[in-house]
Amino acid sequence: MKSTSFPSLRVTPEFRKAAESVLEEGETLSSFLETAVRKQIQFRRTHKEFIARGLAARDEAQRTGVYYTVNEVMDSLREVVESAKRKRV
């Protein structure tokens, strides 16, 4: 696959210096930026999916009239955690 480039990014000297100041050993500014963009892409995809699931759940609750209290949800989540802990031991 042929690679391509992102457009140039104009920043203030202070901003560039701040970015360079957090680079880890052997890390380049380009690799730092690539990692940051990849993480942001994943975050935005995950966030979009989360919102979609929440809206679908809302629509399903409105359609069926079945709603759960906070305590019911929390109890269910506690059971999941406890079950996972028992399986680990």
C-alpha atoms as a PDB file:
ATOM      1  CA  MET A   1       0.000   0.000   0.000  1.00  0.00           C
ATOM      2  CA  LYS A   2       1.305   3.409  -0.928  1.00  0.00           C
ATOM      3  CA  SER A   3       1.668   5.836   1.968  1.00  0.00           C
ATOM      4  CA  THR A   4       0.601   9.445   2.037  1.00  0.00           C
ATOM      5  CA  SER A   5       1.136  12.450   4.311  1.00  0.00           C
ATOM      6  CA  PHE A   6      -0.964  14.627   6.520  1.00  0.00           C
ATOM      7  CA  PRO A   7      -1.052  18.323   5.691  1.00  0.00           C
ATOM      8  CA  SER A   8       1.601  20.473   7.325  1.00  0.00           C
ATOM      9  CA  LEU A   9       0.716  21.628  10.789  1.00  0.00           C
ATOM     10  CA  ARG A  10       1.669  25.191  11.658  1.00  0.00           C
ATOM     11  CA  VAL A  11       2.176  25.716  15.399  1.00  0.00           C
ATOM     12  CA  THR A  12       3.776  28.272  17.636  1.00  0.00           C
ATOM     13  CA  PRO A  13       7.364  27.651  18.694  1.00  0.00           C
ATOM     14  CA  GLU A  14       6.150  27.245  22.287  1.00  0.00           C
ATOM     15  CA  PHE A  15       3.681  24.517  21.306  1.00  0.00           C
ATOM     16  CA  ARG A  16       6.348  22.622  19.367  1.00  0.00           C
ATOM     17  CA  LYS A  17       8.737  22.908  22.294  1.00  0.00           C
ATOM     18  CA  ALA A  18       6.054  21.595  24.655  1.00  0.00           C
ATOM     19  CA  ALA A  19       5.483  18.583  22.391  1.00  0.00           C
ATOM     20  CA  GLU A  20       9.191  17.901  22.089  1.00  0.00           C
ATOM     21  CA  SER A  21       9.595  18.143  25.863  1.00  0.00           C
ATOM     22  CA  VAL A  22       7.400  15.070  26.427  1.00  0.00           C
ATOM     23  CA  LEU A  23       8.957  12.795  23.819  1.00  0.00           C
ATOM     24  CA  GLU A  24      10.189   9.490  25.177  1.00  0.00           C
ATOM     25  CA  GLU A  25      13.640   8.123  24.445  1.00  0.00           C
ATOM     26  CA  GLY A  26      13.957   7.249  20.760  1.00  0.00           C
ATOM     27  CA  GLU A  27      10.581   8.775  19.918  1.00  0.00           C
ATOM     28  CA  THR A  28      10.345  11.277  17.092  1.00  0.00           C
ATOM     29  CA  LEU A  29       7.945  14.158  16.856  1.00  0.00           C
ATOM     30  CA  SER A  30       6.413  12.492  13.790  1.00  0.00           C
ATOM     31  CA  SER A  31       5.802   9.204  15.625  1.00  0.00           C
ATOM     32  CA  PHE A  32       4.364  11.118  18.583  1.00  0.00           C
ATOM     33  CA  LEU A  33       1.920  12.927  16.307  1.00  0.00           C
ATOM     34  CA  GLU A  34       0.974   9.722  14.499  1.00  0.00           C
ATOM     35  CA  THR A  35       0.252   8.004  17.808  1.00  0.00           C
ATOM     36  CA  ALA A  36      -1.821  10.953  18.995  1.00  0.00           C
ATOM     37  CA  VAL A  37      -3.904  10.943  15.813  1.00  0.00           C
ATOM     38  CA  ARG A  38      -4.417   7.159  15.977  1.00  0.00           C
ATOM     39  CA  LYS A  39      -5.579   7.394  19.601  1.00  0.00           C
ATOM     40  CA  GLN A  40      -7.959  10.235  18.786  1.00  0.00           C
ATOM     41  CA  ILE A  41      -9.434   8.281  15.862  1.00  0.00           C
ATOM     42  CA  GLN A  42     -10.036   5.279  18.136  1.00  0.00           C
ATOM     43  CA  PHE A  43     -11.495   7.476  20.868  1.00  0.00           C
ATOM     44  CA  ARG A  44     -13.914   9.160  18.491  1.00  0.00           C
ATOM     45  CA  ARG A  45     -15.035   5.845  16.987  1.00  0.00           C
ATOM     46  CA  THR A  46     -15.582   4.386  20.457  1.00  0.00           C
ATOM     47  CA  HIS A  47     -17.414   7.509  21.601  1.00  0.00           C
ATOM     48  CA  LYS A  48     -19.675   7.458  18.546  1.00  0.00           C
ATOM     49  CA  GLU A  49     -20.496   3.762  19.139  1.00  0.00           C
ATOM     50  CA  PHE A  50     -21.181   4.465  22.836  1.00  0.00           C
ATOM     51  CA  ILE A  51     -23.633   7.242  21.951  1.00  0.00           C
ATOM     52  CA  ALA A  52     -25.317   5.020  19.355  1.00  0.00           C
ATOM     53  CA  ARG A  53     -25.770   2.212  21.915  1.00  0.00           C
ATOM     54  CA  GLY A  54     -27.195   4.669  24.438  1.00  0.00           C
ATOM     55  CA  LEU A  55     -29.673   6.074  21.934  1.00  0.00           C
ATOM     56  CA  ALA A  56     -30.685   2.567  20.847  1.00  0.00           C
ATOM     57  CA  ALA A  57     -31.244   1.579  24.487  1.00  0.00           C
ATOM     58  CA  ARG A  58     -33.335   4.692  25.030  1.00  0.00           C
ATOM     59  CA  ASP A  59     -35.424   3.926  21.961  1.00  0.00           C
ATOM     60  CA  GLU A  60     -35.895   0.306  23.068  1.00  0.00           C
ATOM     61  CA  ALA A  61     -36.993   1.417  26.535  1.00  0.00           C
ATOM     62  CA  GLN A  62     -39.473   3.864  25.031  1.00  0.00           C
ATOM     63  CA  ARG A  63     -40.752   1.182  22.649  1.00  0.00           C
ATOM     64  CA  THR A  64     -41.182  -1.524  25.297  1.00  0.00           C
ATOM     65  CA  GLY A  65     -41.861   0.608  28.360  1.00  0.00           C
ATOM     66  CA  VAL A  66     -39.240  -1.421  30.262  1.00  0.00           C
ATOM     67  CA  TYR A  67     -36.955   0.766  32.346  1.00  0.00           C
ATOM     68  CA  TYR A  68     -34.443  -0.106  35.065  1.00  0.00           C
ATOM     69  CA  THR A  69     -33.621   1.825  38.212  1.00  0.00           C
ATOM     70  CA  VAL A  70     -30.086   2.870  39.056  1.00  0.00           C
ATOM     71  CA  ASN A  71     -30.069   0.325  41.893  1.00  0.00           C
ATOM     72  CA  GLU A  72     -31.090  -2.512  39.537  1.00  0.00           C
ATOM     73  CA  VAL A  73     -28.332  -1.608  37.100  1.00  0.00           C
ATOM     74  CA  MET A  74     -25.715  -1.266  39.833  1.00  0.00           C
ATOM     75  CA  ASP A  75     -26.723  -4.600  41.397  1.00  0.00           C
ATOM     76  CA  SER A  76     -26.404  -6.261  38.000  1.00  0.00           C
ATOM     77  CA  LEU A  77     -22.961  -4.743  37.463  1.00  0.00           C
ATOM     78  CA  ARG A  78     -21.839  -5.863  40.939  1.00  0.00           C
ATOM     79  CA  GLU A  79     -22.915  -9.408  40.091  1.00  0.00           C
ATOM     80  CA  VAL A  80     -20.844  -9.315  36.898  1.00  0.00           C
ATOM     81  CA  VAL A  81     -17.782  -8.124  38.834  1.00  0.00           C
ATOM     82  CA  GLU A  82     -18.230 -10.706  41.589  1.00  0.00           C
ATOM     83  CA  SER A  83     -18.662 -13.482  39.037  1.00  0.00           C
ATOM     84  CA  ALA A  84     -15.482 -12.424  37.255  1.00  0.00           C
ATOM     85  CA  LYS A  85     -13.588 -12.346  40.562  1.00  0.00           C
ATOM     86  CA  ARG A  86     -14.751 -15.876  41.443  1.00  0.00           C
ATOM     87  CA  LYS A  87     -13.623 -17.179  38.055  1.00  0.00           C
ATOM     88  CA  ARG A  88     -10.145 -15.677  38.513  1.00  0.00           C
ATOM     89  CA  VAL A  89      -9.532 -17.419  41.829  1.00  0.00           C
END
